[in-house]
Amino acid sequence: MTPEIEKIKFLYRQTFTADGATKVLEDLEARCNYRASSYVAGDANATAFEEGKRAVILHIHNMIKEE
């Protein structure tokens, strides 16, 4: 992993583990289908939109996990 990516991951960890940040992350998870299906029956565009929201939360979780 490059030093720049390591630095960005560090900044994500700092941001999303700070006081109050866990509540913000929980709110984002609830709003962005983190633990629910993003499928919208009969509407491919809406499904893609919902899956895009979910992808952001997955990215945050990937950035803050320790490796």
PDB file of N, CA and C in Angstrom:
ATOM      1  N   MET A   1       0.858  -1.179   0.000  1.00  0.00           N
ATOM      2  CA  MET A   1       0.000   0.000   0.000  1.00  0.00           C
ATOM      3  C   MET A   1       0.901   1.238   0.000  1.00  0.00           C
ATOM      4  N   THR A   2       0.523   2.213  -0.796  1.00  0.00           N
ATOM      5  CA  THR A   2       1.348   3.409  -0.896  1.00  0.00           C
ATOM      6  C   THR A   2       1.223   4.273   0.357  1.00  0.00           C
ATOM      7  N   PRO A   3       2.234   5.094   0.628  1.00  0.00           N
ATOM      8  CA  PRO A   3       2.157   5.979   1.803  1.00  0.00           C
ATOM      9  C   PRO A   3       0.960   6.931   1.745  1.00  0.00           C
ATOM     10  N   GLU A   4       0.587   7.361   0.550  1.00  0.00           N
ATOM     11  CA  GLU A   4      -0.557   8.272   0.427  1.00  0.00           C
ATOM     12  C   GLU A   4      -1.862   7.578   0.828  1.00  0.00           C
ATOM     13  N   ILE A   5      -2.038   6.345   0.393  1.00  0.00           N
ATOM     14  CA  ILE A   5      -3.247   5.600   0.763  1.00  0.00           C
ATOM     15  C   ILE A   5      -3.256   5.330   2.264  1.00  0.00           C
ATOM     16  N   GLU A   6      -2.098   4.992   2.824  1.00  0.00           N
ATOM     17  CA  GLU A   6      -2.007   4.794   4.272  1.00  0.00           C
ATOM     18  C   GLU A   6      -2.407   6.060   5.024  1.00  0.00           C
ATOM     19  N   LYS A   7      -1.977   7.199   4.531  1.00  0.00           N
ATOM     20  CA  LYS A   7      -2.321   8.472   5.169  1.00  0.00           C
ATOM     21  C   LYS A   7      -3.830   8.720   5.104  1.00  0.00           C
ATOM     22  N   ILE A   8      -4.429   8.456   3.954  1.00  0.00           N
ATOM     23  CA  ILE A   8      -5.869   8.655   3.795  1.00  0.00           C
ATOM     24  C   ILE A   8      -6.636   7.702   4.712  1.00  0.00           C
ATOM     25  N   LYS A   9      -6.185   6.442   4.789  1.00  0.00           N
ATOM     26  CA  LYS A   9      -6.837   5.486   5.686  1.00  0.00           C
ATOM     27  C   LYS A   9      -6.745   5.969   7.134  1.00  0.00           C
ATOM     28  N   PHE A  10      -5.582   6.502   7.514  1.00  0.00           N
ATOM     29  CA  PHE A  10      -5.410   7.047   8.860  1.00  0.00           C
ATOM     30  C   PHE A  10      -6.414   8.168   9.108  1.00  0.00           C
ATOM     31  N   LEU A  11      -6.588   9.040   8.132  1.00  0.00           N
ATOM     32  CA  LEU A  11      -7.535  10.151   8.273  1.00  0.00           C
ATOM     33  C   LEU A  11      -8.974   9.649   8.388  1.00  0.00           C
ATOM     34  N   TYR A  12      -9.325   8.625   7.624  1.00  0.00           N
ATOM     35  CA  TYR A  12     -10.659   8.019   7.761  1.00  0.00           C
ATOM     36  C   TYR A  12     -10.842   7.487   9.177  1.00  0.00           C
ATOM     37  N   ARG A  13      -9.832   6.752   9.680  1.00  0.00           N
ATOM     38  CA  ARG A  13      -9.925   6.204  11.035  1.00  0.00           C
ATOM     39  C   ARG A  13     -10.079   7.310  12.065  1.00  0.00           C
ATOM     40  N   GLN A  14      -9.306   8.362  11.900  1.00  0.00           N
ATOM     41  CA  GLN A  14      -9.408   9.499  12.820  1.00  0.00           C
ATOM     42  C   GLN A  14     -10.800  10.099  12.795  1.00  0.00           C
ATOM     43  N   THR A  15     -11.342  10.258  11.609  1.00  0.00           N
ATOM     44  CA  THR A  15     -12.644  10.897  11.445  1.00  0.00           C
ATOM     45  C   THR A  15     -13.777  10.031  11.994  1.00  0.00           C
ATOM     46  N   PHE A  16     -13.770   8.754  11.662  1.00  0.00           N
ATOM     47  CA  PHE A  16     -14.912   7.906  11.993  1.00  0.00           C
ATOM     48  C   PHE A  16     -14.776   7.143  13.311  1.00  0.00           C
ATOM     49  N   THR A  17     -13.726   7.427  14.069  1.00  0.00           N
ATOM     50  CA  THR A  17     -13.612   6.843  15.407  1.00  0.00           C
ATOM     51  C   THR A  17     -13.556   7.928  16.473  1.00  0.00           C
ATOM     52  N   ALA A  18     -13.660   9.165  16.081  1.00  0.00           N
ATOM     53  CA  ALA A  18     -13.647  10.281  17.034  1.00  0.00           C
ATOM     54  C   ALA A  18     -14.938  10.280  17.858  1.00  0.00           C
ATOM     55  N   ASP A  19     -14.945  11.053  18.934  1.00  0.00           N
ATOM     56  CA  ASP A  19     -16.143  11.176  19.769  1.00  0.00           C
ATOM     57  C   ASP A  19     -17.335  11.597  18.917  1.00  0.00           C
ATOM     58  N   GLY A  20     -18.398  10.870  19.031  1.00  0.00           N
ATOM     59  CA  GLY A  20     -19.614  11.185  18.285  1.00  0.00           C
ATOM     60  C   GLY A  20     -19.640  10.605  16.886  1.00  0.00           C
ATOM     61  N   ALA A  21     -18.495  10.226  16.362  1.00  0.00           N
ATOM     62  CA  ALA A  21     -18.443   9.734  14.985  1.00  0.00           C
ATOM     63  C   ALA A  21     -19.159   8.405  14.816  1.00  0.00           C
ATOM     64  N   THR A  22     -19.161   7.580  15.842  1.00  0.00           N
ATOM     65  CA  THR A  22     -19.846   6.295  15.710  1.00  0.00           C
ATOM     66  C   THR A  22     -21.344   6.494  15.516  1.00  0.00           C
ATOM     67  N   LYS A  23     -21.907   7.499  16.156  1.00  0.00           N
ATOM     68  CA  LYS A  23     -23.336   7.799  15.960  1.00  0.00           C
ATOM     69  C   LYS A  23     -23.590   8.280  14.534  1.00  0.00           C
ATOM     70  N   VAL A  24     -22.692   9.095  14.023  1.00  0.00           N
ATOM     71  CA  VAL A  24     -22.827   9.586  12.647  1.00  0.00           C
ATOM     72  C   VAL A  24     -22.727   8.413  11.675  1.00  0.00           C
ATOM     73  N   LEU A  25     -21.770   7.526  11.898  1.00  0.00           N
ATOM     74  CA  LEU A  25     -21.620   6.371  11.021  1.00  0.00           C
ATOM     75  C   LEU A  25     -22.847   5.464  11.101  1.00  0.00           C
ATOM     76  N   GLU A  26     -23.385   5.260  12.285  1.00  0.00           N
ATOM     77  CA  GLU A  26     -24.609   4.460  12.430  1.00  0.00           C
ATOM     78  C   GLU A  26     -25.772   5.096  11.668  1.00  0.00           C
ATOM     79  N   ASP A  27     -25.886   6.416  11.717  1.00  0.00           N
ATOM     80  CA  ASP A  27     -26.936   7.113  10.981  1.00  0.00           C
ATOM     81  C   ASP A  27     -26.749   6.925   9.477  1.00  0.00           C
ATOM     82  N   LEU A  28     -25.521   7.071   9.008  1.00  0.00           N
ATOM     83  CA  LEU A  28     -25.250   6.869   7.582  1.00  0.00           C
ATOM     84  C   LEU A  28     -25.557   5.435   7.163  1.00  0.00           C
ATOM     85  N   GLU A  29     -25.203   4.473   8.012  1.00  0.00           N
ATOM     86  CA  GLU A  29     -25.500   3.077   7.707  1.00  0.00           C
ATOM     87  C   GLU A  29     -27.002   2.858   7.545  1.00  0.00           C
ATOM     88  N   ALA A  30     -27.782   3.444   8.428  1.00  0.00           N
ATOM     89  CA  ALA A  30     -29.236   3.294   8.362  1.00  0.00           C
ATOM     90  C   ALA A  30     -29.817   3.952   7.110  1.00  0.00           C
ATOM     91  N   ARG A  31     -29.275   5.080   6.719  1.00  0.00           N
ATOM     92  CA  ARG A  31     -29.789   5.816   5.565  1.00  0.00           C
ATOM     93  C   ARG A  31     -29.314   5.262   4.228  1.00  0.00           C
ATOM     94  N   CYS A  32     -28.245   4.479   4.264  1.00  0.00           N
ATOM     95  CA  CYS A  32     -27.605   4.060   3.013  1.00  0.00           C
ATOM     96  C   CYS A  32     -27.619   2.558   2.783  1.00  0.00           C
ATOM     97  N   ASN A  33     -28.577   1.854   3.391  1.00  0.00           N
ATOM     98  CA  ASN A  33     -28.795   0.427   3.117  1.00  0.00           C
ATOM     99  C   ASN A  33     -27.603  -0.462   3.452  1.00  0.00           C
ATOM    100  N   TYR A  34     -26.862  -0.119   4.489  1.00  0.00           N
ATOM    101  CA  TYR A  34     -25.691  -0.924   4.832  1.00  0.00           C
ATOM    102  C   TYR A  34     -26.070  -2.354   5.176  1.00  0.00           C
ATOM    103  N   ARG A  35     -27.132  -2.526   5.935  1.00  0.00           N
ATOM    104  CA  ARG A  35     -27.539  -3.861   6.373  1.00  0.00           C
ATOM    105  C   ARG A  35     -28.863  -4.317   5.744  1.00  0.00           C
ATOM    106  N   ALA A  36     -29.262  -3.661   4.683  1.00  0.00           N
ATOM    107  CA  ALA A  36     -30.531  -4.004   4.032  1.00  0.00           C
ATOM    108  C   ALA A  36     -30.318  -4.098   2.525  1.00  0.00           C
ATOM    109  N   SER A  37     -31.260  -4.703   1.873  1.00  0.00           N
ATOM    110  CA  SER A  37     -31.187  -4.816   0.425  1.00  0.00           C
ATOM    111  C   SER A  37     -31.333  -3.443  -0.225  1.00  0.00           C
ATOM    112  N   SER A  38     -30.585  -3.217  -1.273  1.00  0.00           N
ATOM    113  CA  SER A  38     -30.713  -1.963  -2.010  1.00  0.00           C
ATOM    114  C   SER A  38     -31.590  -2.144  -3.256  1.00  0.00           C
ATOM    115  N   TYR A  39     -32.153  -3.335  -3.420  1.00  0.00           N
ATOM    116  CA  TYR A  39     -32.993  -3.637  -4.570  1.00  0.00           C
ATOM    117  C   TYR A  39     -34.338  -2.916  -4.477  1.00  0.00           C
ATOM    118  N   VAL A  40     -34.724  -2.259  -5.591  1.00  0.00           N
ATOM    119  CA  VAL A  40     -36.029  -1.616  -5.703  1.00  0.00           C
ATOM    120  C   VAL A  40     -36.764  -2.341  -6.829  1.00  0.00           C
ATOM    121  N   ALA A  41     -37.790  -3.071  -6.481  1.00  0.00           N
ATOM    122  CA  ALA A  41     -38.511  -3.894  -7.448  1.00  0.00           C
ATOM    123  C   ALA A  41     -38.993  -3.079  -8.644  1.00  0.00           C
ATOM    124  N   GLY A  42     -38.639  -3.548  -9.821  1.00  0.00           N
ATOM    125  CA  GLY A  42     -39.119  -2.939 -11.055  1.00  0.00           C
ATOM    126  C   GLY A  42     -38.469  -1.625 -11.433  1.00  0.00           C
ATOM    127  N   ASP A  43     -37.431  -1.222 -10.736  1.00  0.00           N
ATOM    128  CA  ASP A  43     -36.807   0.073 -11.037  1.00  0.00           C
ATOM    129  C   ASP A  43     -35.287  -0.048 -10.953  1.00  0.00           C
ATOM    130  N   ALA A  44     -34.682  -0.328 -12.091  1.00  0.00           N
ATOM    131  CA  ALA A  44     -33.229  -0.513 -12.140  1.00  0.00           C
ATOM    132  C   ALA A  44     -32.478   0.760 -11.760  1.00  0.00           C
ATOM    133  N   ASN A  45     -32.986   1.905 -12.155  1.00  0.00           N
ATOM    134  CA  ASN A  45     -32.312   3.169 -11.822  1.00  0.00           C
ATOM    135  C   ASN A  45     -32.335   3.426 -10.322  1.00  0.00           C
ATOM    136  N   ALA A  46     -33.456   3.192  -9.688  1.00  0.00           N
ATOM    137  CA  ALA A  46     -33.548   3.380  -8.243  1.00  0.00           C
ATOM    138  C   ALA A  46     -32.658   2.379  -7.511  1.00  0.00           C
ATOM    139  N   THR A  47     -32.585   1.154  -8.018  1.00  0.00           N
ATOM    140  CA  THR A  47     -31.704   0.157  -7.422  1.00  0.00           C
ATOM    141  C   THR A  47     -30.250   0.609  -7.532  1.00  0.00           C
ATOM    142  N   ALA A  48     -29.868   1.098  -8.688  1.00  0.00           N
ATOM    143  CA  ALA A  48     -28.495   1.582  -8.881  1.00  0.00           C
ATOM    144  C   ALA A  48     -28.196   2.750  -7.947  1.00  0.00           C
ATOM    145  N   PHE A  49     -29.150   3.652  -7.778  1.00  0.00           N
ATOM    146  CA  PHE A  49     -28.976   4.787  -6.880  1.00  0.00           C
ATOM    147  C   PHE A  49     -28.775   4.311  -5.442  1.00  0.00           C
ATOM    148  N   GLU A  50     -29.640   3.396  -4.997  1.00  0.00           N
ATOM    149  CA  GLU A  50     -29.539   2.867  -3.629  1.00  0.00           C
ATOM    150  C   GLU A  50     -28.241   2.098  -3.431  1.00  0.00           C
ATOM    151  N   GLU A  51     -27.819   1.354  -4.430  1.00  0.00           N
ATOM    152  CA  GLU A  51     -26.564   0.614  -4.324  1.00  0.00           C
ATOM    153  C   GLU A  51     -25.374   1.564  -4.291  1.00  0.00           C
ATOM    154  N   GLY A  52     -25.468   2.695  -4.963  1.00  0.00           N
ATOM    155  CA  GLY A  52     -24.419   3.717  -4.887  1.00  0.00           C
ATOM    156  C   GLY A  52     -24.269   4.264  -3.479  1.00  0.00           C
ATOM    157  N   LYS A  53     -25.391   4.501  -2.810  1.00  0.00           N
ATOM    158  CA  LYS A  53     -25.333   4.947  -1.417  1.00  0.00           C
ATOM    159  C   LYS A  53     -24.652   3.895  -0.555  1.00  0.00           C
ATOM    160  N   ARG A  54     -25.029   2.654  -0.762  1.00  0.00           N
ATOM    161  CA  ARG A  54     -24.455   1.563   0.023  1.00  0.00           C
ATOM    162  C   ARG A  54     -22.949   1.450  -0.224  1.00  0.00           C
ATOM    163  N   ALA A  55     -22.520   1.671  -1.452  1.00  0.00           N
ATOM    164  CA  ALA A  55     -21.098   1.581  -1.799  1.00  0.00           C
ATOM    165  C   ALA A  55     -20.263   2.586  -1.006  1.00  0.00           C
ATOM    166  N   VAL A  56     -20.822   3.744  -0.718  1.00  0.00           N
ATOM    167  CA  VAL A  56     -20.106   4.753   0.071  1.00  0.00           C
ATOM    168  C   VAL A  56     -19.836   4.222   1.472  1.00  0.00           C
ATOM    169  N   ILE A  57     -20.833   3.618   2.099  1.00  0.00           N
ATOM    170  CA  ILE A  57     -20.662   3.074   3.449  1.00  0.00           C
ATOM    171  C   ILE A  57     -19.661   1.927   3.432  1.00  0.00           C
ATOM    172  N   LEU A  58     -19.738   1.067   2.432  1.00  0.00           N
ATOM    173  CA  LEU A  58     -18.770  -0.019   2.324  1.00  0.00           C
ATOM    174  C   LEU A  58     -17.357   0.530   2.188  1.00  0.00           C
ATOM    175  N   HIS A  59     -17.206   1.587   1.426  1.00  0.00           N
ATOM    176  CA  HIS A  59     -15.890   2.217   1.257  1.00  0.00           C
ATOM    177  C   HIS A  59     -15.379   2.758   2.597  1.00  0.00           C
ATOM    178  N   ILE A  60     -16.230   3.433   3.340  1.00  0.00           N
ATOM    179  CA  ILE A  60     -15.825   3.960   4.651  1.00  0.00           C
ATOM    180  C   ILE A  60     -15.373   2.819   5.552  1.00  0.00           C
ATOM    181  N   HIS A  61     -16.142   1.753   5.608  1.00  0.00           N
ATOM    182  CA  HIS A  61     -15.776   0.615   6.453  1.00  0.00           C
ATOM    183  C   HIS A  61     -14.458  -0.016   6.001  1.00  0.00           C
ATOM    184  N   ASN A  62     -14.245  -0.108   4.711  1.00  0.00           N
ATOM    185  CA  ASN A  62     -12.968  -0.638   4.217  1.00  0.00           C
ATOM    186  C   ASN A  62     -11.794   0.259   4.578  1.00  0.00           C
ATOM    187  N   MET A  63     -12.026   1.548   4.595  1.00  0.00           N
ATOM    188  CA  MET A  63     -10.951   2.491   4.911  1.00  0.00           C
ATOM    189  C   MET A  63     -10.622   2.519   6.408  1.00  0.00           C
ATOM    190  N   ILE A  64     -11.601   2.263   7.265  1.00  0.00           N
ATOM    191  CA  ILE A  64     -11.330   2.359   8.701  1.00  0.00           C
ATOM    192  C   ILE A  64     -10.915   1.041   9.342  1.00  0.00           C
ATOM    193  N   LYS A  65     -11.048  -0.063   8.610  1.00  0.00           N
ATOM    194  CA  LYS A  65     -10.658  -1.341   9.210  1.00  0.00           C
ATOM    195  C   LYS A  65      -9.133  -1.431   9.277  1.00  0.00           C
ATOM    196  N   GLU A  66      -8.680  -2.048  10.339  1.00  0.00           N
ATOM    197  CA  GLU A  66      -7.248  -2.266  10.539  1.00  0.00           C
ATOM    198  C   GLU A  66      -6.815  -3.457   9.709  1.00  0.00           C
ATOM    199  N   GLU A  67      -5.652  -3.362   9.120  1.00  0.00           N
ATOM    200  CA  GLU A  67      -5.132  -4.488   8.326  1.00  0.00           C
ATOM    201  C   GLU A  67      -3.855  -4.980   8.912  1.00  0.00           C
TER     202      GLU A  67
END
